[in-house]
Amino acid sequence: MCYKDGTWYNMLHIGKPTVNDAFLIPYQQYKVDKKLDDGHSQSGKMSYKVLGTVTDASCSGTESDYDLTSKTVGCNIIMELD
């Protein structure tokens, strides 16, 4: 469960190896997000979660977009489930 905007949601969280750690570079995360959702890091049903080795700076260059120039592994996946 994840709490967002005053509501609890069921979430799928994917990371490595302790689920909290990053396993994708921001470009890879963007491609998955674009295919399954809206392609923006802080909107829609897919994003990343700041935990373990994942930070806002490691995955997102701005509030709404992934840092597509970064070649450093810095993202994990969270997806809101209906």
Foldseek 3Di string as FASTA:
>chain_A
DDDDPNDDFDKDQADPDVSFHFDAQQQVLLVVCVVPFPSWAQDTFKHFDPGDQADCVRFPPDNTHGPNVDPDRHGIMMGTDD
